[in-house]
């Protein structure tokens, strides 16, 4: 393992930037907001090691349901001297899928 900070059993992701709730008007009615059917990719800021042996490298993109980010997960933002930006902490079971880093970040 490198000398870089590592999270254990949690993902440290860039903070979710809230957007306004958008709905689509169909036949005079507003349909479900877009957030209910969208996934949002957030950058993994810190490598994560899980008890089952899985390893998620920093620079990956974790995709979460935007509805959960808008309602609960995205509201708990943290600050630390480790990062210059706000971040959120999520359990892996909140993630739909992860795309590993590409190029120089891999």
PDB file of N, CA and C in Angstrom:
ATOM      1  N   UNK A   1       0.854  -1.188   0.000  1.00  0.00           N
ATOM      2  CA  UNK A   1       0.000   0.000   0.000  1.00  0.00           C
ATOM      3  C   UNK A   1       0.891   1.239   0.000  1.00  0.00           C
ATOM      4  N   UNK A   2       0.453   2.247  -0.711  1.00  0.00           N
ATOM      5  CA  UNK A   2       1.253   3.465  -0.823  1.00  0.00           C
ATOM      6  C   UNK A   2       1.156   4.300   0.455  1.00  0.00           C
ATOM      7  N   UNK A   3       1.905   5.392   0.459  1.00  0.00           N
ATOM      8  CA  UNK A   3       1.855   6.279   1.623  1.00  0.00           C
ATOM      9  C   UNK A   3       0.743   7.319   1.502  1.00  0.00           C
ATOM     10  N   UNK A   4      -0.176   7.129   0.540  1.00  0.00           N
ATOM     11  CA  UNK A   4      -1.324   8.013   0.366  1.00  0.00           C
ATOM     12  C   UNK A   4      -2.406   7.651   1.380  1.00  0.00           C
ATOM     13  N   UNK A   5      -3.228   8.620   1.796  1.00  0.00           N
ATOM     14  CA  UNK A   5      -4.325   8.306   2.722  1.00  0.00           C
ATOM     15  C   UNK A   5      -5.257   7.262   2.113  1.00  0.00           C
ATOM     16  N   UNK A   6      -5.797   6.391   2.949  1.00  0.00           N
ATOM     17  CA  UNK A   6      -6.712   5.352   2.502  1.00  0.00           C
ATOM     18  C   UNK A   6      -7.910   5.303   3.438  1.00  0.00           C
ATOM     19  N   UNK A   7      -9.087   5.190   2.853  1.00  0.00           N
ATOM     20  CA  UNK A   7     -10.313   5.025   3.620  1.00  0.00           C
ATOM     21  C   UNK A   7     -10.563   3.535   3.811  1.00  0.00           C
ATOM     22  N   UNK A   8     -11.188   3.171   4.917  1.00  0.00           N
ATOM     23  CA  UNK A   8     -11.503   1.775   5.166  1.00  0.00           C
ATOM     24  C   UNK A   8     -13.010   1.596   5.268  1.00  0.00           C
ATOM     25  N   UNK A   9     -13.565   0.827   4.331  1.00  0.00           N
ATOM     26  CA  UNK A   9     -14.984   0.475   4.278  1.00  0.00           C
ATOM     27  C   UNK A   9     -15.930   1.642   4.039  1.00  0.00           C
ATOM     28  N   UNK A  10     -15.431   2.768   3.571  1.00  0.00           N
ATOM     29  CA  UNK A  10     -16.257   3.913   3.175  1.00  0.00           C
ATOM     30  C   UNK A  10     -15.642   4.531   1.926  1.00  0.00           C
ATOM     31  N   UNK A  11     -16.468   5.171   1.122  1.00  0.00           N
ATOM     32  CA  UNK A  11     -15.959   5.916  -0.024  1.00  0.00           C
ATOM     33  C   UNK A  11     -15.990   7.404   0.297  1.00  0.00           C
ATOM     34  N   UNK A  12     -14.899   8.078   0.006  1.00  0.00           N
ATOM     35  CA  UNK A  12     -14.776   9.523   0.167  1.00  0.00           C
ATOM     36  C   UNK A  12     -14.914  10.110  -1.236  1.00  0.00           C
ATOM     37  N   UNK A  13     -15.998  10.838  -1.451  1.00  0.00           N
ATOM     38  CA  UNK A  13     -16.321  11.360  -2.778  1.00  0.00           C
ATOM     39  C   UNK A  13     -16.394  12.876  -2.768  1.00  0.00           C
ATOM     40  N   UNK A  14     -16.154  13.471  -3.936  1.00  0.00           N
ATOM     41  CA  UNK A  14     -16.339  14.905  -4.048  1.00  0.00           C
ATOM     42  C   UNK A  14     -17.766  15.240  -3.648  1.00  0.00           C
ATOM     43  N   UNK A  15     -17.985  16.427  -3.122  1.00  0.00           N
ATOM     44  CA  UNK A  15     -19.316  16.836  -2.667  1.00  0.00           C
ATOM     45  C   UNK A  15     -20.273  16.942  -3.846  1.00  0.00           C
ATOM     46  N   UNK A  16     -21.501  16.564  -3.599  1.00  0.00           N
ATOM     47  CA  UNK A  16     -22.567  16.686  -4.590  1.00  0.00           C
ATOM     48  C   UNK A  16     -22.992  18.140  -4.675  1.00  0.00           C
ATOM     49  N   UNK A  17     -23.098  18.634  -5.876  1.00  0.00           N
ATOM     50  CA  UNK A  17     -23.557  20.004  -6.097  1.00  0.00           C
ATOM     51  C   UNK A  17     -25.036  19.944  -6.455  1.00  0.00           C
ATOM     52  N   UNK A  18     -25.850  20.390  -5.515  1.00  0.00           N
ATOM     53  CA  UNK A  18     -27.309  20.342  -5.703  1.00  0.00           C
ATOM     54  C   UNK A  18     -27.736  21.159  -6.904  1.00  0.00           C
ATOM     55  N   UNK A  19     -28.709  20.636  -7.591  1.00  0.00           N
ATOM     56  CA  UNK A  19     -29.332  21.354  -8.691  1.00  0.00           C
ATOM     57  C   UNK A  19     -30.817  21.467  -8.369  1.00  0.00           C
ATOM     58  N   UNK A  20     -31.492  22.329  -9.077  1.00  0.00           N
ATOM     59  CA  UNK A  20     -32.927  22.455  -8.827  1.00  0.00           C
ATOM     60  C   UNK A  20     -33.644  21.200  -9.302  1.00  0.00           C
ATOM     61  N   UNK A  21     -34.752  20.882  -8.650  1.00  0.00           N
ATOM     62  CA  UNK A  21     -35.546  19.726  -9.030  1.00  0.00           C
ATOM     63  C   UNK A  21     -36.254  20.053 -10.333  1.00  0.00           C
ATOM     64  N   UNK A  22     -36.075  19.187 -11.323  1.00  0.00           N
ATOM     65  CA  UNK A  22     -36.673  19.414 -12.628  1.00  0.00           C
ATOM     66  C   UNK A  22     -37.692  18.325 -12.909  1.00  0.00           C
ATOM     67  N   UNK A  23     -38.827  18.728 -13.422  1.00  0.00           N
ATOM     68  CA  UNK A  23     -39.849  17.787 -13.838  1.00  0.00           C
ATOM     69  C   UNK A  23     -40.207  18.058 -15.279  1.00  0.00           C
ATOM     70  N   UNK A  24     -40.867  17.103 -15.884  1.00  0.00           N
ATOM     71  CA  UNK A  24     -41.278  17.258 -17.269  1.00  0.00           C
ATOM     72  C   UNK A  24     -42.794  17.330 -17.308  1.00  0.00           C
ATOM     73  N   UNK A  25     -43.331  18.260 -18.070  1.00  0.00           N
ATOM     74  CA  UNK A  25     -44.781  18.391 -18.163  1.00  0.00           C
ATOM     75  C   UNK A  25     -45.271  17.472 -19.279  1.00  0.00           C
ATOM     76  N   UNK A  26     -46.168  16.553 -18.883  1.00  0.00           N
ATOM     77  CA  UNK A  26     -46.764  15.622 -19.847  1.00  0.00           C
ATOM     78  C   UNK A  26     -48.275  15.687 -19.686  1.00  0.00           C
ATOM     79  N   UNK A  27     -48.961  16.004 -20.738  1.00  0.00           N
ATOM     80  CA  UNK A  27     -50.430  16.070 -20.724  1.00  0.00           C
ATOM     81  C   UNK A  27     -50.949  16.970 -19.603  1.00  0.00           C
ATOM     82  N   UNK A  28     -50.254  18.066 -19.348  1.00  0.00           N
ATOM     83  CA  UNK A  28     -50.692  19.009 -18.345  1.00  0.00           C
ATOM     84  C   UNK A  28     -50.274  18.678 -16.926  1.00  0.00           C
ATOM     85  N   UNK A  29     -49.604  17.546 -16.707  1.00  0.00           N
ATOM     86  CA  UNK A  29     -49.152  17.128 -15.371  1.00  0.00           C
ATOM     87  C   UNK A  29     -47.634  17.134 -15.325  1.00  0.00           C
ATOM     88  N   UNK A  30     -47.095  17.457 -14.163  1.00  0.00           N
ATOM     89  CA  UNK A  30     -45.644  17.406 -13.997  1.00  0.00           C
ATOM     90  C   UNK A  30     -45.274  15.984 -13.623  1.00  0.00           C
ATOM     91  N   UNK A  31     -44.390  15.396 -14.418  1.00  0.00           N
ATOM     92  CA  UNK A  31     -43.962  14.021 -14.159  1.00  0.00           C
ATOM     93  C   UNK A  31     -42.920  14.005 -13.043  1.00  0.00           C
ATOM     94  N   UNK A  32     -42.449  12.824 -12.702  1.00  0.00           N
ATOM     95  CA  UNK A  32     -41.437  12.653 -11.653  1.00  0.00           C
ATOM     96  C   UNK A  32     -40.202  13.479 -11.990  1.00  0.00           C
ATOM     97  N   UNK A  33     -39.580  14.056 -10.972  1.00  0.00           N
ATOM     98  CA  UNK A  33     -38.356  14.824 -11.215  1.00  0.00           C
ATOM     99  C   UNK A  33     -37.277  13.970 -11.860  1.00  0.00           C
ATOM    100  N   UNK A  34     -36.435  14.594 -12.665  1.00  0.00           N
ATOM    101  CA  UNK A  34     -35.331  13.896 -13.322  1.00  0.00           C
ATOM    102  C   UNK A  34     -34.435  13.170 -12.335  1.00  0.00           C
ATOM    103  N   UNK A  35     -34.288  13.704 -11.122  1.00  0.00           N
ATOM    104  CA  UNK A  35     -33.390  13.098 -10.145  1.00  0.00           C
ATOM    105  C   UNK A  35     -33.794  11.666  -9.812  1.00  0.00           C
ATOM    106  N   UNK A  36     -35.064  11.313  -9.986  1.00  0.00           N
ATOM    107  CA  UNK A  36     -35.522   9.963  -9.661  1.00  0.00           C
ATOM    108  C   UNK A  36     -34.998   8.932 -10.651  1.00  0.00           C
ATOM    109  N   UNK A  37     -34.599   9.360 -11.833  1.00  0.00           N
ATOM    110  CA  UNK A  37     -34.171   8.392 -12.845  1.00  0.00           C
ATOM    111  C   UNK A  37     -32.744   8.625 -13.331  1.00  0.00           C
ATOM    112  N   UNK A  38     -31.996   9.465 -12.651  1.00  0.00           N
ATOM    113  CA  UNK A  38     -30.641   9.793 -13.088  1.00  0.00           C
ATOM    114  C   UNK A  38     -29.598   9.234 -12.128  1.00  0.00           C
ATOM    115  N   UNK A  39     -28.448   8.884 -12.677  1.00  0.00           N
ATOM    116  CA  UNK A  39     -27.291   8.544 -11.862  1.00  0.00           C
ATOM    117  C   UNK A  39     -26.296   9.681 -11.986  1.00  0.00           C
ATOM    118  N   UNK A  40     -25.616   9.986 -10.904  1.00  0.00           N
ATOM    119  CA  UNK A  40     -24.642  11.076 -10.883  1.00  0.00           C
ATOM    120  C   UNK A  40     -23.277  10.501 -10.552  1.00  0.00           C
ATOM    121  N   UNK A  41     -22.290  10.800 -11.374  1.00  0.00           N
ATOM    122  CA  UNK A  41     -20.925  10.342 -11.141  1.00  0.00           C
ATOM    123  C   UNK A  41     -20.157  11.329 -10.286  1.00  0.00           C
ATOM    124  N   UNK A  42     -19.575  10.838  -9.197  1.00  0.00           N
ATOM    125  CA  UNK A  42     -18.752  11.672  -8.321  1.00  0.00           C
ATOM    126  C   UNK A  42     -17.366  11.059  -8.224  1.00  0.00           C
ATOM    127  N   UNK A  43     -16.367  11.915  -8.227  1.00  0.00           N
ATOM    128  CA  UNK A  43     -14.975  11.468  -8.186  1.00  0.00           C
ATOM    129  C   UNK A  43     -14.619  10.909  -6.803  1.00  0.00           C
ATOM    130  N   UNK A  44     -13.945   9.761  -6.811  1.00  0.00           N
ATOM    131  CA  UNK A  44     -13.432   9.163  -5.580  1.00  0.00           C
ATOM    132  C   UNK A  44     -12.152   9.921  -5.220  1.00  0.00           C
ATOM    133  N   UNK A  45     -12.144  10.596  -4.077  1.00  0.00           N
ATOM    134  CA  UNK A  45     -11.023  11.446  -3.690  1.00  0.00           C
ATOM    135  C   UNK A  45      -9.905  10.687  -2.972  1.00  0.00           C
ATOM    136  N   UNK A  46     -10.270   9.574  -2.320  1.00  0.00           N
ATOM    137  CA  UNK A  46      -9.296   8.825  -1.539  1.00  0.00           C
ATOM    138  C   UNK A  46      -9.482   7.339  -1.834  1.00  0.00           C
ATOM    139  N   UNK A  47      -8.386   6.628  -2.052  1.00  0.00           N
ATOM    140  CA  UNK A  47      -8.477   5.185  -2.253  1.00  0.00           C
ATOM    141  C   UNK A  47      -9.187   4.550  -1.072  1.00  0.00           C
ATOM    142  N   UNK A  48      -9.932   3.475  -1.349  1.00  0.00           N
ATOM    143  CA  UNK A  48     -10.684   2.800  -0.291  1.00  0.00           C
ATOM    144  C   UNK A  48     -10.384   1.310  -0.302  1.00  0.00           C
ATOM    145  N   UNK A  49     -10.138   0.770   0.868  1.00  0.00           N
ATOM    146  CA  UNK A  49      -9.902  -0.668   1.051  1.00  0.00           C
ATOM    147  C   UNK A  49     -11.076  -1.219   1.859  1.00  0.00           C
ATOM    148  N   UNK A  50     -11.679  -2.316   1.365  1.00  0.00           N
ATOM    149  CA  UNK A  50     -12.820  -2.914   2.040  1.00  0.00           C
ATOM    150  C   UNK A  50     -12.430  -4.246   2.664  1.00  0.00           C
ATOM    151  N   UNK A  51     -13.152  -4.622   3.727  1.00  0.00           N
ATOM    152  CA  UNK A  51     -12.831  -5.838   4.459  1.00  0.00           C
ATOM    153  C   UNK A  51     -12.861  -7.082   3.583  1.00  0.00           C
ATOM    154  N   UNK A  52     -13.682  -7.073   2.541  1.00  0.00           N
ATOM    155  CA  UNK A  52     -13.771  -8.241   1.658  1.00  0.00           C
ATOM    156  C   UNK A  52     -12.642  -8.284   0.622  1.00  0.00           C
ATOM    157  N   UNK A  53     -11.701  -7.347   0.730  1.00  0.00           N
ATOM    158  CA  UNK A  53     -10.548  -7.342  -0.164  1.00  0.00           C
ATOM    159  C   UNK A  53     -10.666  -6.406  -1.351  1.00  0.00           C
ATOM    160  N   UNK A  54     -11.848  -5.874  -1.600  1.00  0.00           N
ATOM    161  CA  UNK A  54     -11.996  -4.944  -2.723  1.00  0.00           C
ATOM    162  C   UNK A  54     -11.209  -3.672  -2.458  1.00  0.00           C
ATOM    163  N   UNK A  55     -10.652  -3.113  -3.527  1.00  0.00           N
ATOM    164  CA  UNK A  55      -9.885  -1.880  -3.453  1.00  0.00           C
ATOM    165  C   UNK A  55     -10.403  -0.946  -4.533  1.00  0.00           C
ATOM    166  N   UNK A  56     -10.765   0.266  -4.157  1.00  0.00           N
ATOM    167  CA  UNK A  56     -11.241   1.287  -5.099  1.00  0.00           C
ATOM    168  C   UNK A  56     -10.188   2.390  -5.131  1.00  0.00           C
ATOM    169  N   UNK A  57      -9.507   2.581  -6.274  1.00  0.00           N
ATOM    170  CA  UNK A  57      -8.466   3.612  -6.325  1.00  0.00           C
ATOM    171  C   UNK A  57      -9.029   5.032  -6.401  1.00  0.00           C
ATOM    172  N   UNK A  58      -8.298   5.961  -5.839  1.00  0.00           N
ATOM    173  CA  UNK A  58      -8.634   7.379  -5.980  1.00  0.00           C
ATOM    174  C   UNK A  58      -8.647   7.712  -7.472  1.00  0.00           C
ATOM    175  N   UNK A  59      -9.505   8.622  -7.854  1.00  0.00           N
ATOM    176  CA  UNK A  59      -9.619   9.005  -9.262  1.00  0.00           C
ATOM    177  C   UNK A  59     -10.704   8.240  -9.996  1.00  0.00           C
ATOM    178  N   UNK A  60     -11.227   7.172  -9.384  1.00  0.00           N
ATOM    179  CA  UNK A  60     -12.359   6.451  -9.968  1.00  0.00           C
ATOM    180  C   UNK A  60     -13.582   7.357  -9.921  1.00  0.00           C
ATOM    181  N   UNK A  61     -14.627   6.968 -10.633  1.00  0.00           N
ATOM    182  CA  UNK A  61     -15.893   7.682 -10.576  1.00  0.00           C
ATOM    183  C   UNK A  61     -16.954   6.731 -10.053  1.00  0.00           C
ATOM    184  N   UNK A  62     -17.595   7.116  -8.963  1.00  0.00           N
ATOM    185  CA  UNK A  62     -18.664   6.321  -8.362  1.00  0.00           C
ATOM    186  C   UNK A  62     -19.998   6.920  -8.797  1.00  0.00           C
ATOM    187  N   UNK A  63     -20.897   6.071  -9.294  1.00  0.00           N
ATOM    188  CA  UNK A  63     -22.201   6.525  -9.741  1.00  0.00           C
ATOM    189  C   UNK A  63     -23.261   6.159  -8.712  1.00  0.00           C
ATOM    190  N   UNK A  64     -23.984   7.188  -8.259  1.00  0.00           N
ATOM    191  CA  UNK A  64     -25.024   7.034  -7.251  1.00  0.00           C
ATOM    192  C   UNK A  64     -26.328   7.583  -7.797  1.00  0.00           C
ATOM    193  N   UNK A  65     -27.442   7.112  -7.230  1.00  0.00           N
ATOM    194  CA  UNK A  65     -28.742   7.645  -7.625  1.00  0.00           C
ATOM    195  C   UNK A  65     -28.798   9.112  -7.203  1.00  0.00           C
ATOM    196  N   UNK A  66     -29.116   9.966  -8.167  1.00  0.00           N
ATOM    197  CA  UNK A  66     -29.147  11.393  -7.862  1.00  0.00           C
ATOM    198  C   UNK A  66     -30.228  11.712  -6.836  1.00  0.00           C
ATOM    199  N   UNK A  67     -31.285  10.947  -6.835  1.00  0.00           N
ATOM    200  CA  UNK A  67     -32.353  11.161  -5.853  1.00  0.00           C
ATOM    201  C   UNK A  67     -31.812  11.023  -4.429  1.00  0.00           C
ATOM    202  N   UNK A  68     -30.973  10.009  -4.177  1.00  0.00           N
ATOM    203  CA  UNK A  68     -30.435   9.824  -2.826  1.00  0.00           C
ATOM    204  C   UNK A  68     -29.432  10.919  -2.484  1.00  0.00           C
ATOM    205  N   UNK A  69     -28.695  11.409  -3.470  1.00  0.00           N
ATOM    206  CA  UNK A  69     -27.772  12.522  -3.236  1.00  0.00           C
ATOM    207  C   UNK A  69     -28.546  13.801  -2.939  1.00  0.00           C
ATOM    208  N   UNK A  70     -29.626  13.985  -3.648  1.00  0.00           N
ATOM    209  CA  UNK A  70     -30.432  15.191  -3.482  1.00  0.00           C
ATOM    210  C   UNK A  70     -31.160  15.194  -2.140  1.00  0.00           C
ATOM    211  N   UNK A  71     -31.580  14.012  -1.691  1.00  0.00           N
ATOM    212  CA  UNK A  71     -32.393  13.923  -0.473  1.00  0.00           C
ATOM    213  C   UNK A  71     -31.594  13.702   0.807  1.00  0.00           C
ATOM    214  N   UNK A  72     -30.575  12.852   0.773  1.00  0.00           N
ATOM    215  CA  UNK A  72     -29.892  12.527   2.037  1.00  0.00           C
ATOM    216  C   UNK A  72     -28.374  12.531   1.933  1.00  0.00           C
ATOM    217  N   UNK A  73     -27.827  11.688   1.076  1.00  0.00           N
ATOM    218  CA  UNK A  73     -26.371  11.488   1.034  1.00  0.00           C
ATOM    219  C   UNK A  73     -25.595  12.759   0.734  1.00  0.00           C
ATOM    220  N   UNK A  74     -26.091  13.572  -0.164  1.00  0.00           N
ATOM    221  CA  UNK A  74     -25.372  14.776  -0.575  1.00  0.00           C
ATOM    222  C   UNK A  74     -25.437  15.926   0.399  1.00  0.00           C
ATOM    223  N   UNK A  75     -26.281  15.810   1.414  1.00  0.00           N
ATOM    224  CA  UNK A  75     -26.454  16.917   2.365  1.00  0.00           C
ATOM    225  C   UNK A  75     -25.383  16.945   3.448  1.00  0.00           C
ATOM    226  N   UNK A  76     -24.784  15.825   3.752  1.00  0.00           N
ATOM    227  CA  UNK A  76     -23.781  15.749   4.828  1.00  0.00           C
ATOM    228  C   UNK A  76     -22.383  15.972   4.262  1.00  0.00           C
ATOM    229  N   UNK A  77     -22.020  17.217   4.081  1.00  0.00           N
ATOM    230  CA  UNK A  77     -20.716  17.568   3.519  1.00  0.00           C
ATOM    231  C   UNK A  77     -19.719  17.781   4.650  1.00  0.00           C
ATOM    232  N   UNK A  78     -18.497  17.354   4.392  1.00  0.00           N
ATOM    233  CA  UNK A  78     -17.436  17.466   5.386  1.00  0.00           C
ATOM    234  C   UNK A  78     -16.285  18.295   4.833  1.00  0.00           C
ATOM    235  N   UNK A  79     -15.480  18.806   5.753  1.00  0.00           N
ATOM    236  CA  UNK A  79     -14.242  19.511   5.417  1.00  0.00           C
ATOM    237  C   UNK A  79     -13.123  18.861   6.219  1.00  0.00           C
ATOM    238  N   UNK A  80     -11.932  18.879   5.636  1.00  0.00           N
ATOM    239  CA  UNK A  80     -10.769  18.303   6.303  1.00  0.00           C
ATOM    240  C   UNK A  80      -9.522  18.965   5.741  1.00  0.00           C
ATOM    241  N   UNK A  81      -8.449  18.949   6.515  1.00  0.00           N
ATOM    242  CA  UNK A  81      -7.202  19.501   5.992  1.00  0.00           C
ATOM    243  C   UNK A  81      -6.572  18.578   4.947  1.00  0.00           C
ATOM    244  N   UNK A  82      -7.136  17.385   4.758  1.00  0.00           N
ATOM    245  CA  UNK A  82      -6.642  16.442   3.755  1.00  0.00           C
ATOM    246  C   UNK A  82      -7.013  16.873   2.341  1.00  0.00           C
ATOM    247  N   UNK A  83      -8.176  17.541   2.196  1.00  0.00           N
ATOM    248  CA  UNK A  83      -8.673  17.941   0.883  1.00  0.00           C
ATOM    249  C   UNK A  83      -8.948  19.442   0.846  1.00  0.00           C
ATOM    250  N   UNK A  84      -8.735  20.068  -0.310  1.00  0.00           N
ATOM    251  CA  UNK A  84      -9.019  21.497  -0.429  1.00  0.00           C
ATOM    252  C   UNK A  84     -10.505  21.769  -0.676  1.00  0.00           C
ATOM    253  N   UNK A  85     -11.307  20.697  -0.845  1.00  0.00           N
ATOM    254  CA  UNK A  85     -12.721  20.862  -1.171  1.00  0.00           C
ATOM    255  C   UNK A  85     -13.593  20.102  -0.174  1.00  0.00           C
ATOM    256  N   UNK A  86     -14.894  20.392  -0.203  1.00  0.00           N
ATOM    257  CA  UNK A  86     -15.830  19.637   0.613  1.00  0.00           C
ATOM    258  C   UNK A  86     -15.994  18.246   0.010  1.00  0.00           C
ATOM    259  N   UNK A  87     -16.386  17.279   0.848  1.00  0.00           N
ATOM    260  CA  UNK A  87     -16.566  15.907   0.384  1.00  0.00           C
ATOM    261  C   UNK A  87     -17.697  15.252   1.150  1.00  0.00           C
ATOM    262  N   UNK A  88     -18.148  14.108   0.620  1.00  0.00           N
ATOM    263  CA  UNK A  88     -19.154  13.313   1.306  1.00  0.00           C
ATOM    264  C   UNK A  88     -18.577  11.923   1.553  1.00  0.00           C
ATOM    265  N   UNK A  89     -19.137  11.234   2.534  1.00  0.00           N
ATOM    266  CA  UNK A  89     -18.706   9.884   2.888  1.00  0.00           C
ATOM    267  C   UNK A  89     -19.906   8.966   2.676  1.00  0.00           C
ATOM    268  N   UNK A  90     -19.733   7.924   1.853  1.00  0.00           N
ATOM    269  CA  UNK A  90     -20.847   7.022   1.564  1.00  0.00           C
ATOM    270  C   UNK A  90     -20.426   5.572   1.732  1.00  0.00           C
ATOM    271  N   UNK A  91     -21.413   4.729   2.019  1.00  0.00           N
ATOM    272  CA  UNK A  91     -21.197   3.291   2.057  1.00  0.00           C
ATOM    273  C   UNK A  91     -21.225   2.754   0.633  1.00  0.00           C
ATOM    274  N   UNK A  92     -20.518   1.684   0.400  1.00  0.00           N
ATOM    275  CA  UNK A  92     -20.457   1.091  -0.933  1.00  0.00           C
ATOM    276  C   UNK A  92     -21.834   0.626  -1.398  1.00  0.00           C
ATOM    277  N   UNK A  93     -22.719   0.264  -0.479  1.00  0.00           N
ATOM    278  CA  UNK A  93     -24.048  -0.200  -0.885  1.00  0.00           C
ATOM    279  C   UNK A  93     -24.915   0.922  -1.463  1.00  0.00           C
ATOM    280  N   UNK A  94     -24.479   2.171  -1.378  1.00  0.00           N
ATOM    281  CA  UNK A  94     -25.185   3.298  -2.000  1.00  0.00           C
ATOM    282  C   UNK A  94     -24.719   3.544  -3.430  1.00  0.00           C
ATOM    283  N   UNK A  95     -23.708   2.809  -3.867  1.00  0.00           N
ATOM    284  CA  UNK A  95     -23.114   3.013  -5.186  1.00  0.00           C
ATOM    285  C   UNK A  95     -23.686   2.000  -6.169  1.00  0.00           C
ATOM    286  N   UNK A  96     -24.095   2.483  -7.330  1.00  0.00           N
ATOM    287  CA  UNK A  96     -24.641   1.603  -8.363  1.00  0.00           C
ATOM    288  C   UNK A  96     -23.524   0.915  -9.141  1.00  0.00           C
ATOM    289  N   UNK A  97     -22.490   1.681  -9.510  1.00  0.00           N
ATOM    290  CA  UNK A  97     -21.317   1.104 -10.160  1.00  0.00           C
ATOM    291  C   UNK A  97     -20.161   2.090 -10.090  1.00  0.00           C
ATOM    292  N   UNK A  98     -18.959   1.576 -10.371  1.00  0.00           N
ATOM    293  CA  UNK A  98     -17.747   2.404 -10.317  1.00  0.00           C
ATOM    294  C   UNK A  98     -16.965   2.232 -11.600  1.00  0.00           C
ATOM    295  N   UNK A  99     -16.495   3.357 -12.129  1.00  0.00           N
ATOM    296  CA  UNK A  99     -15.640   3.360 -13.315  1.00  0.00           C
ATOM    297  C   UNK A  99     -14.230   3.682 -12.839  1.00  0.00           C
ATOM    298  N   UNK A 100     -13.266   2.779 -13.100  1.00  0.00           N
ATOM    299  CA  UNK A 100     -11.897   3.041 -12.643  1.00  0.00           C
ATOM    300  C   UNK A 100     -11.285   4.237 -13.363  1.00  0.00           C
ATOM    301  N   UNK A 101     -10.253   4.817 -12.762  1.00  0.00           N
ATOM    302  CA  UNK A 101      -9.606   5.958 -13.423  1.00  0.00           C
ATOM    303  C   UNK A 101      -8.965   5.522 -14.720  1.00  0.00           C
ATOM    304  N   UNK A 102      -8.813   6.467 -15.633  1.00  0.00           N
ATOM    305  CA  UNK A 102      -8.169   6.147 -16.903  1.00  0.00           C
ATOM    306  C   UNK A 102      -6.981   7.059 -17.124  1.00  0.00           C
ATOM    307  N   UNK A 103      -6.166   6.707 -18.065  1.00  0.00           N
ATOM    308  CA  UNK A 103      -5.005   7.520 -18.402  1.00  0.00           C
ATOM    309  C   UNK A 103      -3.982   7.572 -17.300  1.00  0.00           C
ATOM    310  N   UNK A 104      -3.440   8.773 -17.025  1.00  0.00           N
ATOM    311  CA  UNK A 104      -2.393   8.945 -16.030  1.00  0.00           C
ATOM    312  C   UNK A 104      -2.866   8.654 -14.611  1.00  0.00           C
ATOM    313  N   UNK A 105      -4.193   8.781 -14.371  1.00  0.00           N
ATOM    314  CA  UNK A 105      -4.729   8.559 -13.020  1.00  0.00           C
ATOM    315  C   UNK A 105      -4.810   7.076 -12.683  1.00  0.00           C
ATOM    316  N   UNK A 106      -4.752   6.212 -13.687  1.00  0.00           N
ATOM    317  CA  UNK A 106      -4.905   4.765 -13.450  1.00  0.00           C
ATOM    318  C   UNK A 106      -3.694   4.175 -12.764  1.00  0.00           C
TER     319      UNK A 106
END
